[in-house]
PDB file of N, CA and C in Angstrom:
ATOM      1  N   UNK A   1     185.164  44.423-126.774  1.00  0.00           N
ATOM      2  CA  UNK A   1     183.851  43.952-126.401  1.00  0.00           C
ATOM      3  C   UNK A   1     183.955  42.636-125.651  1.00  0.00           C
ATOM      4  N   UNK A   2     182.966  42.420-124.808  1.00  0.00           N
ATOM      5  CA  UNK A   2     182.899  41.182-124.037  1.00  0.00           C
ATOM      6  C   UNK A   2     181.456  40.699-124.047  1.00  0.00           C
ATOM      7  N   UNK A   3     181.222  39.487-124.498  1.00  0.00           N
ATOM      8  CA  UNK A   3     179.880  38.912-124.489  1.00  0.00           C
ATOM      9  C   UNK A   3     179.510  38.581-123.049  1.00  0.00           C
ATOM     10  N   UNK A   4     178.423  39.165-122.562  1.00  0.00           N
ATOM     11  CA  UNK A   4     178.036  38.983-121.164  1.00  0.00           C
ATOM     12  C   UNK A   4     176.968  37.923-120.977  1.00  0.00           C
ATOM     13  N   UNK A   5     176.040  37.842-121.922  1.00  0.00           N
ATOM     14  CA  UNK A   5     174.986  36.842-121.810  1.00  0.00           C
ATOM     15  C   UNK A   5     174.206  36.725-123.111  1.00  0.00           C
ATOM     16  N   UNK A   6     173.380  35.714-123.164  1.00  0.00           N
ATOM     17  CA  UNK A   6     172.473  35.513-124.279  1.00  0.00           C
ATOM     18  C   UNK A   6     171.076  35.859-123.805  1.00  0.00           C
ATOM     19  N   UNK A   7     170.342  36.632-124.605  1.00  0.00           N
ATOM     20  CA  UNK A   7     168.969  37.010-124.259  1.00  0.00           C
ATOM     21  C   UNK A   7     168.029  36.435-125.304  1.00  0.00           C
ATOM     22  N   UNK A   8     167.050  35.661-124.842  1.00  0.00           N
ATOM     23  CA  UNK A   8     166.027  35.125-125.717  1.00  0.00           C
ATOM     24  C   UNK A   8     164.802  36.033-125.645  1.00  0.00           C
ATOM     25  N   UNK A   9     164.296  36.445-126.788  1.00  0.00           N
ATOM     26  CA  UNK A   9     163.076  37.241-126.849  1.00  0.00           C
ATOM     27  C   UNK A   9     161.917  36.264-127.021  1.00  0.00           C
ATOM     28  N   UNK A  10     160.973  36.304-126.073  1.00  0.00           N
ATOM     29  CA  UNK A  10     159.919  35.289-126.033  1.00  0.00           C
ATOM     30  C   UNK A  10     158.537  35.925-126.022  1.00  0.00           C
ATOM     31  N   UNK A  11     157.569  35.194-126.552  1.00  0.00           N
ATOM     32  CA  UNK A  11     156.185  35.647-126.559  1.00  0.00           C
ATOM     33  C   UNK A  11     155.411  35.137-125.342  1.00  0.00           C
ATOM     34  N   UNK A  12     155.920  34.134-124.675  1.00  0.00           N
ATOM     35  CA  UNK A  12     155.249  33.515-123.532  1.00  0.00           C
ATOM     36  C   UNK A  12     156.184  33.562-122.316  1.00  0.00           C
ATOM     37  N   UNK A  13     156.420  34.761-121.830  1.00  0.00           N
ATOM     38  CA  UNK A  13     157.422  35.002-120.796  1.00  0.00           C
ATOM     39  C   UNK A  13     157.239  34.112-119.564  1.00  0.00           C
ATOM     40  N   UNK A  14     156.053  34.119-118.965  1.00  0.00           N
ATOM     41  CA  UNK A  14     155.847  33.387-117.711  1.00  0.00           C
ATOM     42  C   UNK A  14     156.131  31.892-117.890  1.00  0.00           C
ATOM     43  N   UNK A  15     155.667  31.317-118.975  1.00  0.00           N
ATOM     44  CA  UNK A  15     155.897  29.895-119.233  1.00  0.00           C
ATOM     45  C   UNK A  15     157.399  29.615-119.394  1.00  0.00           C
ATOM     46  N   UNK A  16     158.104  30.497-120.089  1.00  0.00           N
ATOM     47  CA  UNK A  16     159.547  30.322-120.259  1.00  0.00           C
ATOM     48  C   UNK A  16     160.280  30.501-118.934  1.00  0.00           C
ATOM     49  N   UNK A  17     159.831  31.464-118.122  1.00  0.00           N
ATOM     50  CA  UNK A  17     160.435  31.666-116.803  1.00  0.00           C
ATOM     51  C   UNK A  17     160.326  30.379-115.988  1.00  0.00           C
ATOM     52  N   UNK A  18     159.133  29.818-115.933  1.00  0.00           N
ATOM     53  CA  UNK A  18     158.915  28.585-115.169  1.00  0.00           C
ATOM     54  C   UNK A  18     159.784  27.450-115.709  1.00  0.00           C
ATOM     55  N   UNK A  19     159.925  27.376-117.030  1.00  0.00           N
ATOM     56  CA  UNK A  19     160.727  26.336-117.650  1.00  0.00           C
ATOM     57  C   UNK A  19     162.192  26.422-117.215  1.00  0.00           C
ATOM     58  N   UNK A  20     162.799  27.594-117.356  1.00  0.00           N
ATOM     59  CA  UNK A  20     164.220  27.729-117.022  1.00  0.00           C
ATOM     60  C   UNK A  20     164.458  27.670-115.516  1.00  0.00           C
ATOM     61  N   UNK A  21     163.546  28.211-114.729  1.00  0.00           N
ATOM     62  CA  UNK A  21     163.712  28.229-113.268  1.00  0.00           C
ATOM     63  C   UNK A  21     163.410  26.857-112.663  1.00  0.00           C
ATOM     64  N   UNK A  22     162.273  26.278-113.011  1.00  0.00           N
ATOM     65  CA  UNK A  22     161.824  25.064-112.322  1.00  0.00           C
ATOM     66  C   UNK A  22     162.105  23.772-113.093  1.00  0.00           C
ATOM     67  N   UNK A  23     161.886  23.775-114.394  1.00  0.00           N
ATOM     68  CA  UNK A  23     162.120  22.540-115.151  1.00  0.00           C
ATOM     69  C   UNK A  23     163.608  22.252-115.282  1.00  0.00           C
ATOM     70  N   UNK A  24     164.389  23.266-115.712  1.00  0.00           N
ATOM     71  CA  UNK A  24     165.831  23.052-115.847  1.00  0.00           C
ATOM     72  C   UNK A  24     166.591  23.362-114.567  1.00  0.00           C
ATOM     73  N   UNK A  25     165.971  24.064-113.620  1.00  0.00           N
ATOM     74  CA  UNK A  25     166.584  24.313-112.321  1.00  0.00           C
ATOM     75  C   UNK A  25     167.674  25.364-112.308  1.00  0.00           C
ATOM     76  N   UNK A  26     167.641  26.325-113.246  1.00  0.00           N
ATOM     77  CA  UNK A  26     168.643  27.384-113.272  1.00  0.00           C
ATOM     78  C   UNK A  26     168.343  28.407-112.180  1.00  0.00           C
ATOM     79  N   UNK A  27     169.385  28.970-111.598  1.00  0.00           N
ATOM     80  CA  UNK A  27     169.246  29.983-110.559  1.00  0.00           C
ATOM     81  C   UNK A  27     168.945  31.335-111.189  1.00  0.00           C
ATOM     82  N   UNK A  28     167.823  31.922-110.794  1.00  0.00           N
ATOM     83  CA  UNK A  28     167.458  33.250-111.297  1.00  0.00           C
ATOM     84  C   UNK A  28     168.136  34.287-110.407  1.00  0.00           C
ATOM     85  N   UNK A  29     168.970  35.150-111.020  1.00  0.00           N
ATOM     86  CA  UNK A  29     169.656  36.166-110.223  1.00  0.00           C
ATOM     87  C   UNK A  29     169.136  37.571-110.498  1.00  0.00           C
ATOM     88  N   UNK A  30     168.111  37.683-111.367  1.00  0.00           N
ATOM     89  CA  UNK A  30     167.443  38.969-111.567  1.00  0.00           C
ATOM     90  C   UNK A  30     166.084  38.699-112.197  1.00  0.00           C
ATOM     91  N   UNK A  31     165.051  39.307-111.648  1.00  0.00           N
ATOM     92  CA  UNK A  31     163.705  39.182-112.180  1.00  0.00           C
ATOM     93  C   UNK A  31     162.920  38.071-111.510  1.00  0.00           C
ATOM     94  N   UNK A  32     161.658  37.982-111.911  1.00  0.00           N
ATOM     95  CA  UNK A  32     160.780  36.935-111.395  1.00  0.00           C
ATOM     96  C   UNK A  32     159.740  36.603-112.456  1.00  0.00           C
ATOM     97  N   UNK A  33     158.730  35.824-112.074  1.00  0.00           N
ATOM     98  CA  UNK A  33     157.749  35.359-113.056  1.00  0.00           C
ATOM     99  C   UNK A  33     156.863  36.469-113.621  1.00  0.00           C
ATOM    100  N   UNK A  34     156.867  37.658-113.013  1.00  0.00           N
ATOM    101  CA  UNK A  34     156.022  38.751-113.503  1.00  0.00           C
ATOM    102  C   UNK A  34     156.804  39.936-114.060  1.00  0.00           C
ATOM    103  N   UNK A  35     158.112  39.897-114.036  1.00  0.00           N
ATOM    104  CA  UNK A  35     158.921  41.067-114.398  1.00  0.00           C
ATOM    105  C   UNK A  35     159.114  41.254-115.907  1.00  0.00           C
ATOM    106  N   UNK A  36     158.759  40.260-116.700  1.00  0.00           N
ATOM    107  CA  UNK A  36     158.951  40.280-118.157  1.00  0.00           C
ATOM    108  C   UNK A  36     160.416  40.312-118.578  1.00  0.00           C
ATOM    109  N   UNK A  37     161.330  40.255-117.633  1.00  0.00           N
ATOM    110  CA  UNK A  37     162.758  40.082-117.902  1.00  0.00           C
ATOM    111  C   UNK A  37     163.345  39.317-116.733  1.00  0.00           C
ATOM    112  N   UNK A  38     164.147  38.311-117.037  1.00  0.00           N
ATOM    113  CA  UNK A  38     164.827  37.558-115.985  1.00  0.00           C
ATOM    114  C   UNK A  38     166.172  37.089-116.512  1.00  0.00           C
ATOM    115  N   UNK A  39     167.110  36.959-115.587  1.00  0.00           N
ATOM    116  CA  UNK A  39     168.444  36.491-115.916  1.00  0.00           C
ATOM    117  C   UNK A  39     168.760  35.285-115.042  1.00  0.00           C
ATOM    118  N   UNK A  40     169.309  34.263-115.661  1.00  0.00           N
ATOM    119  CA  UNK A  40     169.644  33.022-114.970  1.00  0.00           C
ATOM    120  C   UNK A  40     171.144  32.770-115.072  1.00  0.00           C
ATOM    121  N   UNK A  41     171.728  32.320-113.968  1.00  0.00           N
ATOM    122  CA  UNK A  41     173.130  31.920-113.974  1.00  0.00           C
ATOM    123  C   UNK A  41     173.200  30.502-114.513  1.00  0.00           C
ATOM    124  N   UNK A  42     173.988  30.309-115.572  1.00  0.00           N
ATOM    125  CA  UNK A  42     174.155  28.989-116.173  1.00  0.00           C
ATOM    126  C   UNK A  42     175.649  28.774-116.339  1.00  0.00           C
ATOM    127  N   UNK A  43     176.229  28.088-115.390  1.00  0.00           N
ATOM    128  CA  UNK A  43     177.677  27.915-115.421  1.00  0.00           C
ATOM    129  C   UNK A  43     178.357  29.261-115.269  1.00  0.00           C
ATOM    130  N   UNK A  44     179.242  29.585-116.198  1.00  0.00           N
ATOM    131  CA  UNK A  44     179.986  30.836-116.141  1.00  0.00           C
ATOM    132  C   UNK A  44     179.335  31.967-116.933  1.00  0.00           C
ATOM    133  N   UNK A  45     178.128  31.751-117.421  1.00  0.00           N
ATOM    134  CA  UNK A  45     177.477  32.768-118.244  1.00  0.00           C
ATOM    135  C   UNK A  45     176.056  33.031-117.766  1.00  0.00           C
ATOM    136  N   UNK A  46     175.415  33.998-118.386  1.00  0.00           N
ATOM    137  CA  UNK A  46     174.049  34.370-118.060  1.00  0.00           C
ATOM    138  C   UNK A  46     173.151  34.045-119.248  1.00  0.00           C
ATOM    139  N   UNK A  47     171.959  33.551-118.957  1.00  0.00           N
ATOM    140  CA  UNK A  47     170.924  33.363-119.958  1.00  0.00           C
ATOM    141  C   UNK A  47     169.748  34.219-119.519  1.00  0.00           C
ATOM    142  N   UNK A  48     169.316  35.118-120.391  1.00  0.00           N
ATOM    143  CA  UNK A  48     168.206  36.002-120.057  1.00  0.00           C
ATOM    144  C   UNK A  48     167.014  35.702-120.957  1.00  0.00           C
ATOM    145  N   UNK A  49     165.815  35.946-120.428  1.00  0.00           N
ATOM    146  CA  UNK A  49     164.606  35.904-121.238  1.00  0.00           C
ATOM    147  C   UNK A  49     163.920  37.255-121.086  1.00  0.00           C
ATOM    148  N   UNK A  50     163.321  37.722-122.173  1.00  0.00           N
ATOM    149  CA  UNK A  50     162.708  39.046-122.180  1.00  0.00           C
ATOM    150  C   UNK A  50     161.467  38.996-123.059  1.00  0.00           C
ATOM    151  N   UNK A  51     160.418  39.642-122.610  1.00  0.00           N
ATOM    152  CA  UNK A  51     159.197  39.724-123.389  1.00  0.00           C
ATOM    153  C   UNK A  51     159.507  40.388-124.737  1.00  0.00           C
ATOM    154  N   UNK A  52     159.216  39.685-125.821  1.00  0.00           N
ATOM    155  CA  UNK A  52     159.554  40.155-127.165  1.00  0.00           C
ATOM    156  C   UNK A  52     158.956  41.533-127.450  1.00  0.00           C
ATOM    157  N   UNK A  53     157.686  41.749-127.106  1.00  0.00           N
ATOM    158  CA  UNK A  53     157.037  43.026-127.405  1.00  0.00           C
ATOM    159  C   UNK A  53     157.716  44.194-126.707  1.00  0.00           C
ATOM    160  N   UNK A  54     158.175  44.001-125.470  1.00  0.00           N
ATOM    161  CA  UNK A  54     158.864  45.082-124.760  1.00  0.00           C
ATOM    162  C   UNK A  54     160.180  45.439-125.439  1.00  0.00           C
ATOM    163  N   UNK A  55     160.905  44.436-125.903  1.00  0.00           N
ATOM    164  CA  UNK A  55     162.163  44.705-126.589  1.00  0.00           C
ATOM    165  C   UNK A  55     161.907  45.441-127.896  1.00  0.00           C
ATOM    166  N   UNK A  56     160.906  44.974-128.657  1.00  0.00           N
ATOM    167  CA  UNK A  56     160.603  45.610-129.933  1.00  0.00           C
ATOM    168  C   UNK A  56     160.118  47.051-129.747  1.00  0.00           C
ATOM    169  N   UNK A  57     159.353  47.296-128.688  1.00  0.00           N
ATOM    170  CA  UNK A  57     158.929  48.672-128.394  1.00  0.00           C
ATOM    171  C   UNK A  57     160.138  49.558-128.120  1.00  0.00           C
ATOM    172  N   UNK A  58     161.088  49.035-127.372  1.00  0.00           N
ATOM    173  CA  UNK A  58     162.258  49.832-127.004  1.00  0.00           C
ATOM    174  C   UNK A  58     163.109  50.210-128.209  1.00  0.00           C
ATOM    175  N   UNK A  59     163.166  49.336-129.195  1.00  0.00           N
ATOM    176  CA  UNK A  59     163.972  49.651-130.378  1.00  0.00           C
ATOM    177  C   UNK A  59     163.108  50.214-131.514  1.00  0.00           C
ATOM    178  N   UNK A  60     161.854  50.527-131.196  1.00  0.00           N
ATOM    179  CA  UNK A  60     160.918  51.130-132.156  1.00  0.00           C
ATOM    180  C   UNK A  60     160.741  50.261-133.395  1.00  0.00           C
ATOM    181  N   UNK A  61     160.602  48.950-133.146  1.00  0.00           N
ATOM    182  CA  UNK A  61     160.436  48.010-134.245  1.00  0.00           C
ATOM    183  C   UNK A  61     158.993  47.510-134.284  1.00  0.00           C
ATOM    184  N   UNK A  62     158.582  47.100-135.449  1.00  0.00           N
ATOM    185  CA  UNK A  62     157.250  46.557-135.645  1.00  0.00           C
ATOM    186  C   UNK A  62     157.163  45.187-134.973  1.00  0.00           C
ATOM    187  N   UNK A  63     156.042  44.915-134.324  1.00  0.00           N
ATOM    188  CA  UNK A  63     155.830  43.610-133.716  1.00  0.00           C
ATOM    189  C   UNK A  63     155.676  42.589-134.833  1.00  0.00           C
ATOM    190  N   UNK A  64     156.449  41.528-134.748  1.00  0.00           N
ATOM    191  CA  UNK A  64     156.453  40.492-135.774  1.00  0.00           C
ATOM    192  C   UNK A  64     155.304  39.519-135.553  1.00  0.00           C
ATOM    193  N   UNK A  65     154.866  38.838-136.617  1.00  0.00           N
ATOM    194  CA  UNK A  65     153.846  37.802-136.421  1.00  0.00           C
ATOM    195  C   UNK A  65     154.403  36.663-135.575  1.00  0.00           C
ATOM    196  N   UNK A  66     153.523  35.993-134.873  1.00  0.00           N
ATOM    197  CA  UNK A  66     153.941  34.919-133.967  1.00  0.00           C
ATOM    198  C   UNK A  66     154.385  33.658-134.701  1.00  0.00           C
ATOM    199  N   UNK A  67     154.173  33.577-135.998  1.00  0.00           N
ATOM    200  CA  UNK A  67     154.522  32.358-136.724  1.00  0.00           C
ATOM    201  C   UNK A  67     155.879  32.457-137.419  1.00  0.00           C
ATOM    202  N   UNK A  68     156.852  32.974-136.708  1.00  0.00           N
ATOM    203  CA  UNK A  68     158.215  33.041-137.236  1.00  0.00           C
ATOM    204  C   UNK A  68     158.779  31.624-137.378  1.00  0.00           C
ATOM    205  N   UNK A  69     159.728  31.442-138.271  1.00  0.00           N
ATOM    206  CA  UNK A  69     160.319  30.111-138.410  1.00  0.00           C
ATOM    207  C   UNK A  69     161.144  29.740-137.167  1.00  0.00           C
ATOM    208  N   UNK A  70     161.200  28.450-136.906  1.00  0.00           N
ATOM    209  CA  UNK A  70     162.039  27.951-135.815  1.00  0.00           C
ATOM    210  C   UNK A  70     163.468  27.832-136.312  1.00  0.00           C
ATOM    211  N   UNK A  71     164.341  27.393-135.469  1.00  0.00           N
ATOM    212  CA  UNK A  71     165.748  27.136-135.795  1.00  0.00           C
ATOM    213  C   UNK A  71     166.546  28.413-136.008  1.00  0.00           C
ATOM    214  N   UNK A  72     166.143  29.519-135.402  1.00  0.00           N
ATOM    215  CA  UNK A  72     166.918  30.745-135.513  1.00  0.00           C
ATOM    216  C   UNK A  72     168.108  30.742-134.564  1.00  0.00           C
ATOM    217  N   UNK A  73     167.984  30.011-133.469  1.00  0.00           N
ATOM    218  CA  UNK A  73     169.051  29.953-132.480  1.00  0.00           C
ATOM    219  C   UNK A  73     168.974  28.597-131.785  1.00  0.00           C
ATOM    220  N   UNK A  74     170.087  28.151-131.276  1.00  0.00           N
ATOM    221  CA  UNK A  74     170.127  26.915-130.508  1.00  0.00           C
ATOM    222  C   UNK A  74     170.978  27.154-129.276  1.00  0.00           C
ATOM    223  N   UNK A  75     170.484  26.733-128.126  1.00  0.00           N
ATOM    224  CA  UNK A  75     171.269  26.805-126.889  1.00  0.00           C
ATOM    225  C   UNK A  75     171.936  25.459-126.679  1.00  0.00           C
ATOM    226  N   UNK A  76     173.233  25.488-126.413  1.00  0.00           N
ATOM    227  CA  UNK A  76     174.010  24.268-126.261  1.00  0.00           C
ATOM    228  C   UNK A  76     174.519  24.192-124.828  1.00  0.00           C
ATOM    229  N   UNK A  77     174.172  23.108-124.137  1.00  0.00           N
ATOM    230  CA  UNK A  77     174.596  22.919-122.754  1.00  0.00           C
ATOM    231  C   UNK A  77     175.443  21.653-122.648  1.00  0.00           C
ATOM    232  N   UNK A  78     176.669  21.806-122.166  1.00  0.00           N
ATOM    233  CA  UNK A  78     177.517  20.653-121.880  1.00  0.00           C
ATOM    234  C   UNK A  78     177.041  20.035-120.571  1.00  0.00           C
ATOM    235  N   UNK A  79     176.947  18.727-120.538  1.00  0.00           N
ATOM    236  CA  UNK A  79     176.536  18.004-119.335  1.00  0.00           C
ATOM    237  C   UNK A  79     177.555  16.914-119.042  1.00  0.00           C
ATOM    238  N   UNK A  80     177.566  16.440-117.804  1.00  0.00           N
ATOM    239  CA  UNK A  80     178.500  15.379-117.429  1.00  0.00           C
ATOM    240  C   UNK A  80     178.139  14.048-118.070  1.00  0.00           C
ATOM    241  N   UNK A  81     176.830  13.787-118.222  1.00  0.00           N
ATOM    242  CA  UNK A  81     176.368  12.519-118.779  1.00  0.00           C
ATOM    243  C   UNK A  81     175.049  12.777-119.513  1.00  0.00           C
ATOM    244  N   UNK A  82     175.040  12.642-120.827  1.00  0.00           N
ATOM    245  CA  UNK A  82     173.846  12.921-121.630  1.00  0.00           C
ATOM    246  C   UNK A  82     172.704  11.983-121.257  1.00  0.00           C
ATOM    247  N   UNK A  83     173.008  10.695-121.085  1.00  0.00           N
ATOM    248  CA  UNK A  83     171.954   9.722-120.774  1.00  0.00           C
ATOM    249  C   UNK A  83     171.336   9.997-119.407  1.00  0.00           C
ATOM    250  N   UNK A  84     172.158  10.326-118.439  1.00  0.00           N
ATOM    251  CA  UNK A  84     171.665  10.634-117.096  1.00  0.00           C
ATOM    252  C   UNK A  84     170.805  11.905-117.107  1.00  0.00           C
ATOM    253  N   UNK A  85     171.238  12.925-117.822  1.00  0.00           N
ATOM    254  CA  UNK A  85     170.476  14.164-117.918  1.00  0.00           C
ATOM    255  C   UNK A  85     169.168  13.922-118.659  1.00  0.00           C
ATOM    256  N   UNK A  86     169.218  13.135-119.706  1.00  0.00           N
ATOM    257  CA  UNK A  86     168.013  12.760-120.449  1.00  0.00           C
ATOM    258  C   UNK A  86     167.006  12.082-119.516  1.00  0.00           C
ATOM    259  N   UNK A  87     167.473  11.122-118.738  1.00  0.00           N
ATOM    260  CA  UNK A  87     166.584  10.422-117.809  1.00  0.00           C
ATOM    261  C   UNK A  87     165.971  11.382-116.780  1.00  0.00           C
ATOM    262  N   UNK A  88     166.774  12.331-116.296  1.00  0.00           N
ATOM    263  CA  UNK A  88     166.296  13.280-115.289  1.00  0.00           C
ATOM    264  C   UNK A  88     165.265  14.254-115.859  1.00  0.00           C
ATOM    265  N   UNK A  89     165.359  14.545-117.164  1.00  0.00           N
ATOM    266  CA  UNK A  89     164.479  15.553-117.773  1.00  0.00           C
ATOM    267  C   UNK A  89     163.321  14.981-118.584  1.00  0.00           C
ATOM    268  N   UNK A  90     163.357  13.709-118.950  1.00  0.00           N
ATOM    269  CA  UNK A  90     162.390  13.199-119.929  1.00  0.00           C
ATOM    270  C   UNK A  90     160.937  13.243-119.453  1.00  0.00           C
ATOM    271  N   UNK A  91     160.693  13.313-118.170  1.00  0.00           N
ATOM    272  CA  UNK A  91     159.327  13.462-117.670  1.00  0.00           C
ATOM    273  C   UNK A  91     158.899  14.925-117.656  1.00  0.00           C
ATOM    274  N   UNK A  92     159.846  15.845-117.854  1.00  0.00           N
ATOM    275  CA  UNK A  92     159.568  17.284-117.783  1.00  0.00           C
ATOM    276  C   UNK A  92     159.550  17.960-119.140  1.00  0.00           C
ATOM    277  N   UNK A  93     160.266  17.415-120.112  1.00  0.00           N
ATOM    278  CA  UNK A  93     160.348  18.018-121.445  1.00  0.00           C
ATOM    279  C   UNK A  93     160.103  16.953-122.509  1.00  0.00           C
ATOM    280  N   UNK A  94     159.657  17.384-123.674  1.00  0.00           N
ATOM    281  CA  UNK A  94     159.446  16.474-124.805  1.00  0.00           C
ATOM    282  C   UNK A  94     160.709  16.492-125.668  1.00  0.00           C
ATOM    283  N   UNK A  95     161.501  15.460-125.554  1.00  0.00           N
ATOM    284  CA  UNK A  95     162.737  15.381-126.337  1.00  0.00           C
ATOM    285  C   UNK A  95     162.412  15.154-127.814  1.00  0.00           C
ATOM    286  N   UNK A  96     163.159  15.825-128.664  1.00  0.00           N
ATOM    287  CA  UNK A  96     163.059  15.652-130.109  1.00  0.00           C
ATOM    288  C   UNK A  96     163.886  14.449-130.527  1.00  0.00           C
ATOM    289  N   UNK A  97     165.049  14.296-129.887  1.00  0.00           N
ATOM    290  CA  UNK A  97     165.910  13.150-130.166  1.00  0.00           C
ATOM    291  C   UNK A  97     166.288  12.490-128.844  1.00  0.00           C
ATOM    292  N   UNK A  98     166.486  11.203-128.900  1.00  0.00           N
ATOM    293  CA  UNK A  98     167.015  10.480-127.750  1.00  0.00           C
ATOM    294  C   UNK A  98     168.534  10.609-127.783  1.00  0.00           C
ATOM    295  N   UNK A  99     169.205  10.316-126.669  1.00  0.00           N
ATOM    296  CA  UNK A  99     170.665  10.382-126.677  1.00  0.00           C
ATOM    297  C   UNK A  99     171.250   9.498-127.772  1.00  0.00           C
ATOM    298  N   UNK A 100     172.189  10.068-128.507  1.00  0.00           N
ATOM    299  CA  UNK A 100     172.859   9.330-129.576  1.00  0.00           C
ATOM    300  C   UNK A 100     174.231   9.940-129.821  1.00  0.00           C
ATOM    301  N   UNK A 101     175.120   9.119-130.340  1.00  0.00           N
ATOM    302  CA  UNK A 101     176.476   9.590-130.656  1.00  0.00           C
ATOM    303  C   UNK A 101     176.493  10.225-132.041  1.00  0.00           C
ATOM    304  N   UNK A 102     177.156  11.355-132.121  1.00  0.00           N
ATOM    305  CA  UNK A 102     177.471  11.988-133.404  1.00  0.00           C
ATOM    306  C   UNK A 102     178.990  11.982-133.488  1.00  0.00           C
ATOM    307  N   UNK A 103     179.510  10.855-133.912  1.00  0.00           N
ATOM    308  CA  UNK A 103     180.964  10.700-133.954  1.00  0.00           C
ATOM    309  C   UNK A 103     181.609  11.743-134.861  1.00  0.00           C
ATOM    310  N   UNK A 104     180.899  12.133-135.939  1.00  0.00           N
ATOM    311  CA  UNK A 104     181.446  13.142-136.838  1.00  0.00           C
ATOM    312  C   UNK A 104     181.546  14.506-136.160  1.00  0.00           C
ATOM    313  N   UNK A 105     180.752  14.743-135.106  1.00  0.00           N
ATOM    314  CA  UNK A 105     180.823  15.984-134.320  1.00  0.00           C
ATOM    315  C   UNK A 105     181.672  15.785-133.067  1.00  0.00           C
ATOM    316  N   UNK A 106     181.940  14.524-132.706  1.00  0.00           N
ATOM    317  CA  UNK A 106     182.722  14.227-131.518  1.00  0.00           C
ATOM    318  C   UNK A 106     181.943  14.341-130.216  1.00  0.00           C
ATOM    319  N   UNK A 107     180.599  14.198-130.295  1.00  0.00           N
ATOM    320  CA  UNK A 107     179.772  14.355-129.089  1.00  0.00           C
ATOM    321  C   UNK A 107     178.666  13.311-129.023  1.00  0.00           C
ATOM    322  N   UNK A 108     178.188  13.078-127.803  1.00  0.00           N
ATOM    323  CA  UNK A 108     176.926  12.377-127.556  1.00  0.00           C
ATOM    324  C   UNK A 108     175.919  13.482-127.299  1.00  0.00           C
ATOM    325  N   UNK A 109     174.696  13.368-127.830  1.00  0.00           N
ATOM    326  CA  UNK A 109     173.796  14.501-127.886  1.00  0.00           C
ATOM    327  C   UNK A 109     172.331  14.087-127.773  1.00  0.00           C
ATOM    328  N   UNK A 110     171.495  15.005-127.292  1.00  0.00           N
ATOM    329  CA  UNK A 110     170.033  14.874-127.322  1.00  0.00           C
ATOM    330  C   UNK A 110     169.460  16.291-127.429  1.00  0.00           C
ATOM    331  N   UNK A 111     168.235  16.398-127.971  1.00  0.00           N
ATOM    332  CA  UNK A 111     167.637  17.714-128.228  1.00  0.00           C
ATOM    333  C   UNK A 111     166.201  17.811-127.722  1.00  0.00           C
ATOM    334  N   UNK A 112     165.825  19.021-127.297  1.00  0.00           N
ATOM    335  CA  UNK A 112     164.442  19.341-126.943  1.00  0.00           C
ATOM    336  C   UNK A 112     164.237  20.831-127.165  1.00  0.00           C
ATOM    337  N   UNK A 113     163.021  21.322-126.931  1.00  0.00           N
ATOM    338  CA  UNK A 113     162.715  22.745-127.105  1.00  0.00           C
ATOM    339  C   UNK A 113     162.177  23.335-125.817  1.00  0.00           C
ATOM    340  N   UNK A 114     162.406  24.651-125.635  1.00  0.00           N
ATOM    341  CA  UNK A 114     161.782  25.351-124.520  1.00  0.00           C
ATOM    342  C   UNK A 114     160.360  25.746-124.943  1.00  0.00           C
ATOM    343  N   UNK A 115     159.558  26.312-124.038  1.00  0.00           N
ATOM    344  CA  UNK A 115     158.181  26.661-124.395  1.00  0.00           C
ATOM    345  C   UNK A 115     158.058  27.685-125.521  1.00  0.00           C
ATOM    346  N   UNK A 116     159.104  28.447-125.800  1.00  0.00           N
ATOM    347  CA  UNK A 116     159.063  29.414-126.897  1.00  0.00           C
ATOM    348  C   UNK A 116     159.515  28.792-128.217  1.00  0.00           C
ATOM    349  N   UNK A 117     159.933  27.538-128.190  1.00  0.00           N
ATOM    350  CA  UNK A 117     160.375  26.857-129.399  1.00  0.00           C
ATOM    351  C   UNK A 117     161.877  26.874-129.621  1.00  0.00           C
ATOM    352  N   UNK A 118     162.633  27.463-128.701  1.00  0.00           N
ATOM    353  CA  UNK A 118     164.091  27.511-128.846  1.00  0.00           C
ATOM    354  C   UNK A 118     164.652  26.098-128.765  1.00  0.00           C
ATOM    355  N   UNK A 119     165.473  25.748-129.738  1.00  0.00           N
ATOM    356  CA  UNK A 119     166.102  24.435-129.773  1.00  0.00           C
ATOM    357  C   UNK A 119     167.196  24.374-128.707  1.00  0.00           C
ATOM    358  N   UNK A 120     167.172  23.320-127.902  1.00  0.00           N
ATOM    359  CA  UNK A 120     168.165  23.135-126.837  1.00  0.00           C
ATOM    360  C   UNK A 120     168.863  21.800-127.061  1.00  0.00           C
ATOM    361  N   UNK A 121     170.180  21.844-126.975  1.00  0.00           N
ATOM    362  CA  UNK A 121     170.996  20.642-127.120  1.00  0.00           C
ATOM    363  C   UNK A 121     171.741  20.404-125.820  1.00  0.00           C
ATOM    364  N   UNK A 122     171.736  19.161-125.358  1.00  0.00           N
ATOM    365  CA  UNK A 122     172.642  18.757-124.285  1.00  0.00           C
ATOM    366  C   UNK A 122     173.662  17.831-124.928  1.00  0.00           C
ATOM    367  N   UNK A 123     174.926  18.005-124.529  1.00  0.00           N
ATOM    368  CA  UNK A 123     175.939  17.157-125.152  1.00  0.00           C
ATOM    369  C   UNK A 123     177.103  16.896-124.215  1.00  0.00           C
ATOM    370  N   UNK A 124     177.870  15.891-124.597  1.00  0.00           N
ATOM    371  CA  UNK A 124     179.096  15.509-123.887  1.00  0.00           C
ATOM    372  C   UNK A 124     180.103  15.101-124.936  1.00  0.00           C
ATOM    373  N   UNK A 125     181.317  15.625-124.813  1.00  0.00           N
ATOM    374  CA  UNK A 125     182.397  15.294-125.722  1.00  0.00           C
ATOM    375  C   UNK A 125     182.732  13.819-125.580  1.00  0.00           C
ATOM    376  N   UNK A 126     182.799  13.106-126.698  1.00  0.00           N
ATOM    377  CA  UNK A 126     183.156  11.666-126.656  1.00  0.00           C
ATOM    378  C   UNK A 126     184.533  11.416-127.229  1.00  0.00           C
ATOM    379  N   UNK A 127     185.226  12.474-127.621  1.00  0.00           N
ATOM    380  CA  UNK A 127     186.584  12.335-128.146  1.00  0.00           C
ATOM    381  C   UNK A 127     187.528  12.081-126.970  1.00  0.00           C
ATOM    382  N   UNK A 128     188.465  11.181-127.158  1.00  0.00           N
ATOM    383  CA  UNK A 128     189.420  10.910-126.080  1.00  0.00           C
ATOM    384  C   UNK A 128     190.760  11.501-126.386  1.00  0.00           C
TER     385      UNK A 128
END
């Protein structure tokens, strides 16, 4: 097996599409704001978003309530400079944490959420 990409199932597809395409500036290589499925090139991997109801219909699953708990998944993005990336994004996203060192993890880090509530971490290795 080979992991090809990560797919986020979202309830607010268009808002998430705009977030990944325009706020974070990822290149969309499949889909658009109305397709209910889109794939973005992020470094050497793919990040996809898909309308949750369409996925659940396809697997014949019951539609879940919208008040699911958060923290089910976290997307981790390595950046060249956490502080610089924070400055570039802070007018576009509501950061949960400001840049800070987690020496016990060996990284400098900051966190925010996408419009669907997915936790996103930007980090840079501080180990020498």
